[in-house]
Amino acid sequence: MVSLVLPRLASWKGTVFEGSGRRAASVTERNISCLRSMYWVVMISGFVEPVLYLFSIGIGVGALIGDLRLPDGRLVGYAEFVAPAMLASAAMTGALSETTFNFFGKMKFMRLYEGMLATPIRPIEIALGELAWAMVRGVLYSAAFLVIMVALDLTTAMRALAMLPATVLVGFAFGALGMATSTVIRSWQDFDLIASAQFALFLFSGTFVPPGHYPAPVRWLIEVTPLYRSVDLTRALSLGPVGPRQLVDVLYLLALLAVGLTLAGRRMGKMLCK
C-alpha cells in the first residue's frame, strides 16, 4: 500500500512535492519494493531490542530501585522513567542502522546511486528518498513500542499519540546525521567507531539516570548531545510537563536534520558526480 500511495502523493500536481519530491519518493519506493515480502522481519529486527531493555532494566532493575524523583520533585516508577528513553533510543538506532551501514554499502560497494544518477534524479533527492525510507521503518518500530508502553500502563494513549511525531523527528535528525557520517567514513572498520559512539550515547544521555546525578562538566556535555535532547523531548511528552525546554529540543533536532541533510547532499554530489 505504501509503495502505491507514496508516489501518487509525491506527484500530486500543483503541490510542492511535484518534481524533486516525486523523484525522491521513487527512491523510497524502490527500497520498499525490495523488502515488500519481509516486513515482519523488518518489524522484529528494530522492535525486539528496546522491548528487551525495557523489561530487563526498566521493569526488572526497576523493581529493585523503586520510584525515582524527577527534578521537579515528582515521584515516578523507574519503568515509566526509562520507557520514553528507550523509545528515543530505538528511533536513533533504527535511523542510524539504515543510513550508515546500508547506505554506505549501496554507495561504495553496490554502486547503486551511480546508476540512479543516469536518470534525472539528483544526489540530494537520493538522500531525501533514503531518509524517508529510514523513517518508514522507524515509524513501524516506534508505533509498536508505544503500543507496549500503553499496554503496560507506562503512558496514556493520548500521550503516546503525541510522542509518535516526536520520534519521527528524532529519526529524521539521526538519519540525516548518519547519512552525512557515511559520506566521510573510509571503510567497514570505521563502523566500529560509530557503534562505540552510539553505545556511549545510549548509556550517557539521561537514559537510565537523570543527568543531574553526574558532576557538572559531565552533565553539561550530556545535555548538548542529540540523544539527550531526544530523550528530554519524549520524556516530557510521556510524563509531563511540556515547557519551553521542549521547544529547544525541537529546534536542536531540526537544526541537526538541516545540517546533516545539507552535508550529505553536497558530499554525495562531490563523490558521485565526478
Protein backbone atom coordinates (compact mmCIF):
# COMPACT_ATOMS: atom_id res chain seq x y z
CA MET A 1 0.00 0.00 0.00
CA VAL A 2 2.80 2.42 0.91
CA SER A 3 4.54 1.80 -2.42
CA LEU A 4 1.29 2.68 -4.23
CA VAL A 5 0.27 5.74 -2.21
CA LEU A 6 3.64 7.44 -1.71
CA PRO A 7 4.49 8.10 -5.39
CA ARG A 8 0.95 9.39 -6.05
CA LEU A 9 1.16 11.85 -3.18
CA ALA A 10 4.62 12.95 -4.28
CA SER A 11 3.47 13.59 -7.86
CA TRP A 12 0.28 15.44 -6.95
CA LYS A 13 0.02 18.28 -9.47
CA GLY A 14 0.17 21.78 -8.12
CA THR A 15 1.91 20.89 -4.83
CA VAL A 16 5.42 21.45 -3.54
CA PHE A 17 6.02 17.70 -3.97
CA GLU A 18 5.98 17.92 -7.75
CA GLY A 19 9.33 17.22 -9.45
CA SER A 20 12.00 16.87 -6.78
CA GLY A 21 9.68 15.23 -4.25
CA ARG A 22 8.44 12.76 -6.82
CA ARG A 23 11.99 11.69 -7.70
CA ALA A 24 12.90 11.33 -4.00
CA ALA A 25 9.76 9.23 -3.47
CA SER A 26 10.86 6.88 -6.25
CA VAL A 27 13.99 6.07 -4.22
CA THR A 28 11.82 5.27 -1.21
CA GLU A 29 9.51 3.15 -3.34
CA ARG A 30 12.47 1.18 -4.66
CA ASN A 31 13.54 0.26 -1.10
CA ILE A 32 10.00 -0.70 -0.11
CA SER A 33 9.64 -2.91 -3.18
CA CYS A 34 12.86 -4.76 -2.35
CA LEU A 35 11.59 -5.66 1.15
CA ARG A 36 7.87 -5.96 0.43
CA SER A 37 7.74 -9.63 1.44
CA MET A 38 9.91 -9.14 4.56
CA TYR A 39 8.02 -6.51 6.58
CA TRP A 40 7.68 -8.88 9.52
CA VAL A 41 11.48 -9.30 9.63
CA VAL A 42 11.92 -5.51 9.49
CA MET A 43 9.43 -5.12 12.33
CA ILE A 44 11.06 -7.71 14.59
CA SER A 45 14.64 -6.51 13.97
CA GLY A 46 14.01 -2.99 15.26
CA PHE A 47 11.38 -3.79 17.86
CA VAL A 48 12.81 -6.59 19.99
CA GLU A 49 15.92 -4.86 21.35
CA PRO A 50 14.26 -1.85 23.07
CA VAL A 51 11.49 -4.10 24.42
CA LEU A 52 14.12 -6.40 25.98
CA TYR A 53 15.85 -3.41 27.58
CA LEU A 54 12.51 -2.16 28.87
CA PHE A 55 11.64 -5.48 30.51
CA SER A 56 15.13 -6.30 31.81
CA ILE A 57 16.20 -2.87 33.09
CA GLY A 58 13.07 -0.76 33.26
CA ILE A 59 10.91 -3.41 34.94
CA GLY A 60 13.50 -5.90 36.29
CA VAL A 61 16.05 -3.49 37.76
CA GLY A 62 13.24 -1.02 38.41
CA ALA A 63 11.74 -3.44 40.94
CA LEU A 64 14.95 -3.04 42.99
CA ILE A 65 15.21 0.73 42.54
CA GLY A 66 11.59 1.65 43.20
CA ASP A 67 10.32 5.14 42.48
CA LEU A 68 12.59 7.83 41.06
CA ARG A 69 12.37 11.51 41.97
CA LEU A 70 12.28 13.88 38.99
CA PRO A 71 13.92 17.35 39.09
CA ASP A 72 10.51 18.93 39.80
CA GLY A 73 10.09 16.72 42.88
CA ARG A 74 7.54 14.23 41.47
CA LEU A 75 7.98 10.51 42.06
CA VAL A 76 7.57 8.15 39.09
CA GLY A 77 8.20 4.45 38.64
CA TYR A 78 11.58 3.56 37.16
CA ALA A 79 9.96 1.80 34.19
CA GLU A 80 7.98 4.97 33.43
CA PHE A 81 11.24 6.93 33.52
CA VAL A 82 13.15 4.53 31.26
CA ALA A 83 10.44 3.74 28.68
CA PRO A 84 10.44 7.13 26.83
CA ALA A 85 14.25 6.98 26.68
CA MET A 86 14.05 3.50 25.14
CA LEU A 87 11.64 4.91 22.58
CA ALA A 88 14.06 7.69 21.61
CA SER A 89 16.97 5.23 21.54
CA ALA A 90 15.01 2.89 19.27
CA ALA A 91 14.32 5.77 16.88
CA MET A 92 18.03 6.63 16.88
CA THR A 93 19.12 3.03 16.34
CA GLY A 94 16.65 2.38 13.54
CA ALA A 95 17.62 5.55 11.69
CA LEU A 96 21.37 5.02 12.07
CA SER A 97 21.29 1.36 11.04
CA GLU A 98 19.61 2.26 7.75
CA THR A 99 21.56 5.43 6.95
CA THR A 100 25.04 4.22 7.92
CA PHE A 101 25.71 0.54 7.21
CA ASN A 102 23.10 0.07 4.47
CA PHE A 103 23.65 3.48 2.91
CA PHE A 104 27.43 3.03 2.85
CA GLY A 105 27.11 -0.37 1.17
CA LYS A 106 24.80 0.97 -1.53
CA MET A 107 27.04 3.93 -2.22
CA LYS A 108 30.56 2.48 -2.01
CA PHE A 109 30.20 -1.20 -2.95
CA MET A 110 26.93 -1.82 -4.77
CA ARG A 111 27.36 1.45 -6.73
CA LEU A 112 23.60 1.72 -6.72
CA TYR A 113 23.47 5.50 -6.69
CA GLU A 114 25.74 5.86 -9.70
CA GLY A 115 23.11 4.04 -11.75
CA MET A 116 20.38 6.28 -10.33
CA LEU A 117 22.27 9.38 -11.45
CA ALA A 118 21.88 8.22 -15.04
CA THR A 119 18.25 9.33 -14.59
CA PRO A 120 17.13 12.93 -13.85
CA ILE A 121 17.45 12.29 -10.10
CA ARG A 122 19.95 14.41 -8.14
CA PRO A 123 22.16 13.46 -5.13
CA ILE A 124 20.08 15.48 -2.65
CA GLU A 125 16.94 13.69 -3.88
CA ILE A 126 18.63 10.32 -3.32
CA ALA A 127 19.45 11.45 0.23
CA LEU A 128 15.85 12.55 0.82
CA GLY A 129 14.49 9.26 -0.52
CA GLU A 130 16.80 7.17 1.64
CA LEU A 131 15.93 9.27 4.68
CA ALA A 132 12.22 8.80 4.02
CA TRP A 133 12.75 5.04 3.76
CA ALA A 134 14.56 5.01 7.09
CA MET A 135 11.56 6.76 8.61
CA VAL A 136 9.09 4.25 7.16
CA ARG A 137 10.92 1.64 9.21
CA GLY A 138 11.29 3.94 12.19
CA VAL A 139 7.56 4.69 12.38
CA LEU A 140 6.81 0.95 12.47
CA TYR A 141 9.26 0.45 15.35
CA SER A 142 8.03 3.47 17.31
CA ALA A 143 4.34 2.69 16.89
CA ALA A 144 4.81 -0.90 18.08
CA PHE A 145 6.84 0.23 21.10
CA LEU A 146 4.23 2.83 22.01
CA VAL A 147 1.56 0.12 21.97
CA ILE A 148 3.66 -1.80 24.52
CA MET A 149 4.02 1.31 26.68
CA VAL A 150 0.27 1.90 26.71
CA ALA A 151 -0.45 -1.80 27.38
CA LEU A 152 1.91 -1.75 30.40
CA ASP A 153 0.32 1.49 31.66
CA LEU A 154 3.63 3.37 31.31
CA THR A 155 1.89 6.23 29.50
CA THR A 156 -1.57 7.17 28.28
CA ALA A 157 -2.93 6.69 24.77
CA MET A 158 -3.15 10.46 24.20
CA ARG A 159 0.45 10.99 25.26
CA ALA A 160 1.50 8.11 23.02
CA LEU A 161 -0.12 9.85 20.05
CA ALA A 162 1.89 12.98 20.87
CA MET A 163 5.13 11.01 21.15
CA LEU A 164 4.83 9.38 17.72
CA PRO A 165 5.57 12.56 15.69
CA ALA A 166 8.35 13.38 18.17
CA THR A 167 10.04 10.05 17.44
CA VAL A 168 9.65 10.71 13.71
CA LEU A 169 11.58 13.96 14.20
CA VAL A 170 14.23 12.11 16.22
CA GLY A 171 14.58 9.53 13.47
CA PHE A 172 14.88 12.18 10.76
CA ALA A 173 17.57 14.04 12.71
CA PHE A 174 19.68 10.94 13.39
CA GLY A 175 19.07 9.66 9.87
CA ALA A 176 20.50 12.86 8.40
CA LEU A 177 23.43 12.68 10.83
CA GLY A 178 24.10 9.04 9.91
CA MET A 179 23.92 9.76 6.19
CA ALA A 180 26.38 12.66 6.49
CA THR A 181 28.72 10.44 8.53
CA SER A 182 28.56 7.70 5.88
CA THR A 183 29.87 10.09 3.25
CA VAL A 184 33.11 10.70 5.17
CA ILE A 185 33.99 7.24 6.52
CA ARG A 186 36.54 5.23 4.51
CA SER A 187 35.93 1.53 5.19
CA TRP A 188 33.82 -1.01 7.06
CA GLN A 189 36.25 -0.85 10.02
CA ASP A 190 35.14 2.71 10.71
CA PHE A 191 31.74 1.37 11.73
CA ASP A 192 33.34 0.20 14.99
CA LEU A 193 33.80 3.87 15.88
CA ILE A 194 30.18 4.62 15.01
CA ALA A 195 28.98 1.70 17.14
CA SER A 196 31.10 2.87 20.09
CA ALA A 197 29.78 6.43 19.83
CA GLN A 198 26.21 5.16 19.55
CA PHE A 199 26.58 2.94 22.63
CA ALA A 200 28.11 5.80 24.62
CA LEU A 201 25.14 7.98 23.72
CA PHE A 202 22.78 5.19 24.74
CA LEU A 203 24.38 4.89 28.18
CA PHE A 204 25.03 8.56 28.97
CA SER A 205 22.09 10.57 27.64
CA GLY A 206 19.83 10.52 30.65
CA THR A 207 18.57 7.14 29.50
CA PHE A 208 18.86 5.33 32.82
CA VAL A 209 19.99 8.07 35.22
CA PRO A 210 18.95 11.75 35.40
CA PRO A 211 21.84 13.96 34.21
CA GLY A 212 21.72 15.89 37.48
CA HIS A 213 23.35 12.91 39.22
CA TYR A 214 26.59 13.43 37.26
CA PRO A 215 29.30 16.03 38.01
CA ALA A 216 28.57 19.42 36.43
CA PRO A 217 31.08 19.18 33.50
CA VAL A 218 29.76 15.74 32.56
CA ARG A 219 26.15 16.93 32.86
CA TRP A 220 26.82 19.87 30.52
CA LEU A 221 28.41 17.53 27.99
CA ILE A 222 25.44 15.15 28.20
CA GLU A 223 22.93 17.95 27.70
CA VAL A 224 24.42 19.00 24.34
CA THR A 225 24.26 15.51 22.82
CA PRO A 226 21.48 14.79 20.28
CA LEU A 227 20.17 11.72 22.09
CA TYR A 228 19.74 13.63 25.34
CA ARG A 229 17.67 16.28 23.53
CA SER A 230 15.60 13.44 22.06
CA VAL A 231 15.13 11.71 25.43
CA ASP A 232 14.23 15.02 27.07
CA LEU A 233 11.54 15.61 24.43
CA THR A 234 9.95 12.15 24.57
CA ARG A 235 10.13 12.00 28.37
CA ALA A 236 8.38 15.35 28.75
CA LEU A 237 5.64 14.22 26.37
CA SER A 238 5.27 10.95 28.30
CA LEU A 239 5.45 12.21 31.88
CA GLY A 240 4.88 15.95 31.57
CA PRO A 241 5.00 18.83 31.92
CA VAL A 242 5.86 20.20 28.46
CA GLY A 243 7.54 23.61 28.55
CA PRO A 244 9.91 25.97 26.72
CA ARG A 245 12.78 23.48 27.06
CA GLN A 246 10.99 21.12 24.68
CA LEU A 247 10.93 23.89 22.08
CA VAL A 248 14.73 23.98 22.41
CA ASP A 249 14.78 20.20 21.87
CA VAL A 250 12.70 20.51 18.70
CA LEU A 251 14.81 23.36 17.30
CA TYR A 252 18.01 21.42 18.09
CA LEU A 253 16.76 18.34 16.20
CA LEU A 254 15.54 20.44 13.26
CA ALA A 255 18.96 22.11 13.04
CA LEU A 256 20.67 18.70 13.14
CA LEU A 257 18.37 17.49 10.37
CA ALA A 258 19.09 20.53 8.17
CA VAL A 259 22.86 20.43 8.67
CA GLY A 260 23.13 16.67 8.23
CA LEU A 261 20.99 16.57 5.10
CA THR A 262 22.80 19.52 3.51
CA LEU A 263 26.21 18.00 4.22
CA ALA A 264 25.12 14.58 2.94
CA GLY A 265 23.72 16.05 -0.29
CA ARG A 266 26.85 18.07 -1.00
CA ARG A 267 29.24 15.24 -0.18
CA MET A 268 27.26 12.81 -2.36
CA GLY A 269 27.35 15.32 -5.20
CA LYS A 270 31.16 15.54 -4.99
CA MET A 271 31.62 11.77 -4.71
CA LEU A 272 29.15 10.64 -7.37
CA CYS A 273 29.23 13.48 -9.92
CA LYS A 274 32.90 13.33 -10.85
